Amino acid sequence: MAKKSDKRRIIGLVCQACKQRHYYTTKNTMNSPDRVELAKYCPVKRVQAKQVETKKSLGRNEVKPRR
């Protein structure tokens, strides 16, 4: 089984048309350190809009230590 490493992070994609977060994906921070911009479907506006990576941490990337 493959090892889990810190190179891939979970990111949220915010729609530029409605400013809501509809999509989540993983990103390799070593290969693409800059922000991700994708053209995806916006279900609120029902058009294809630009989705941009969020600045905020989603809180899912940190592993809590065991007691």
C-alpha atoms as a PDB file:
ATOM      1  CA  MET A   1       0.000   0.000   0.000  1.00  0.00           C
ATOM      2  CA  ALA A   2       1.250   3.492  -0.796  1.00  0.00           C
ATOM      3  CA  LYS A   3       2.522   5.762   1.949  1.00  0.00           C
ATOM      4  CA  LYS A   4       0.713   8.957   2.857  1.00  0.00           C
ATOM      5  CA  SER A   5       3.044  11.946   2.574  1.00  0.00           C
ATOM      6  CA  ASP A   6       2.873  15.673   3.259  1.00  0.00           C
ATOM      7  CA  LYS A   7       3.385  16.623  -0.395  1.00  0.00           C
ATOM      8  CA  ARG A   8      -0.302  16.289  -1.344  1.00  0.00           C
ATOM      9  CA  ARG A   9      -2.730  18.687   0.361  1.00  0.00           C
ATOM     10  CA  ILE A  10      -6.501  18.970   0.274  1.00  0.00           C
ATOM     11  CA  ILE A  11      -7.629  22.306  -1.179  1.00  0.00           C
ATOM     12  CA  GLY A  12     -11.019  23.923  -1.662  1.00  0.00           C
ATOM     13  CA  LEU A  13     -12.018  25.647  -4.894  1.00  0.00           C
ATOM     14  CA  VAL A  14     -14.030  28.885  -4.618  1.00  0.00           C
ATOM     15  CA  CYS A  15     -16.249  29.983  -7.505  1.00  0.00           C
ATOM     16  CA  GLN A  16     -15.546  33.500  -8.823  1.00  0.00           C
ATOM     17  CA  ALA A  17     -19.198  33.958  -9.872  1.00  0.00           C
ATOM     18  CA  CYS A  18     -20.978  33.151  -6.581  1.00  0.00           C
ATOM     19  CA  LYS A  19     -18.056  33.137  -4.060  1.00  0.00           C
ATOM     20  CA  GLN A  20     -18.994  29.724  -2.657  1.00  0.00           C
ATOM     21  CA  ARG A  21     -16.881  26.609  -2.188  1.00  0.00           C
ATOM     22  CA  HIS A  22     -18.299  23.765  -4.316  1.00  0.00           C
ATOM     23  CA  TYR A  23     -15.312  21.565  -5.129  1.00  0.00           C
ATOM     24  CA  TYR A  24     -12.504  19.942  -3.134  1.00  0.00           C
ATOM     25  CA  THR A  25      -9.421  18.320  -4.623  1.00  0.00           C
ATOM     26  CA  THR A  26      -5.843  17.376  -3.766  1.00  0.00           C
ATOM     27  CA  LYS A  27      -2.797  19.240  -4.976  1.00  0.00           C
ATOM     28  CA  ASN A  28       0.872  18.282  -5.076  1.00  0.00           C
ATOM     29  CA  THR A  29       2.627  21.265  -3.478  1.00  0.00           C
ATOM     30  CA  MET A  30       6.050  20.240  -4.777  1.00  0.00           C
ATOM     31  CA  ASN A  31       5.029  20.243  -8.469  1.00  0.00           C
ATOM     32  CA  SER A  32       2.638  23.216  -8.427  1.00  0.00           C
ATOM     33  CA  PRO A  33       3.379  25.712  -5.640  1.00  0.00           C
ATOM     34  CA  ASP A  34       1.289  28.506  -7.202  1.00  0.00           C
ATOM     35  CA  ARG A  35      -2.491  28.832  -6.876  1.00  0.00           C
ATOM     36  CA  VAL A  36      -4.710  26.525  -8.933  1.00  0.00           C
ATOM     37  CA  GLU A  37      -7.348  27.999 -11.279  1.00  0.00           C
ATOM     38  CA  LEU A  38      -9.791  25.667 -13.025  1.00  0.00           C
ATOM     39  CA  ALA A  39     -12.854  26.267 -15.204  1.00  0.00           C
ATOM     40  CA  LYS A  40     -15.653  24.178 -13.688  1.00  0.00           C
ATOM     41  CA  TYR A  41     -19.448  24.189 -13.600  1.00  0.00           C
ATOM     42  CA  CYS A  42     -21.111  26.422 -10.960  1.00  0.00           C
ATOM     43  CA  PRO A  43     -24.385  24.801  -9.786  1.00  0.00           C
ATOM     44  CA  VAL A  44     -25.693  28.073  -8.274  1.00  0.00           C
ATOM     45  CA  LYS A  45     -25.289  30.296 -11.362  1.00  0.00           C
ATOM     46  CA  ARG A  46     -25.561  27.315 -13.762  1.00  0.00           C
ATOM     47  CA  VAL A  47     -22.643  28.459 -15.923  1.00  0.00           C
ATOM     48  CA  GLN A  48     -19.039  27.453 -16.381  1.00  0.00           C
ATOM     49  CA  ALA A  49     -17.018  29.728 -14.079  1.00  0.00           C
ATOM     50  CA  LYS A  50     -13.431  30.017 -12.890  1.00  0.00           C
ATOM     51  CA  GLN A  51     -12.712  28.137  -9.639  1.00  0.00           C
ATOM     52  CA  VAL A  52      -9.729  29.416  -7.612  1.00  0.00           C
ATOM     53  CA  GLU A  53      -7.853  27.725  -4.771  1.00  0.00           C
ATOM     54  CA  THR A  54      -8.684  29.080  -1.312  1.00  0.00           C
ATOM     55  CA  LYS A  55      -6.127  30.708   0.957  1.00  0.00           C
ATOM     56  CA  LYS A  56      -7.650  29.283   4.146  1.00  0.00           C
ATOM     57  CA  SER A  57      -6.558  25.971   5.588  1.00  0.00           C
ATOM     58  CA  LEU A  58      -9.408  23.498   5.677  1.00  0.00           C
ATOM     59  CA  GLY A  59      -8.186  21.894   8.897  1.00  0.00           C
ATOM     60  CA  ARG A  60      -7.994  18.426   7.323  1.00  0.00           C
ATOM     61  CA  ASN A  61      -4.280  18.389   6.592  1.00  0.00           C
ATOM     62  CA  GLU A  62      -3.016  18.229  10.177  1.00  0.00           C
ATOM     63  CA  VAL A  63      -2.670  14.875  11.888  1.00  0.00           C
ATOM     64  CA  LYS A  64      -3.446  15.001  15.598  1.00  0.00           C
ATOM     65  CA  PRO A  65      -0.885  13.222  17.809  1.00  0.00           C
ATOM     66  CA  ARG A  66      -2.023  10.272  19.880  1.00  0.00           C
ATOM     67  CA  ARG A  67      -2.040  10.483  23.664  1.00  0.00           C
END
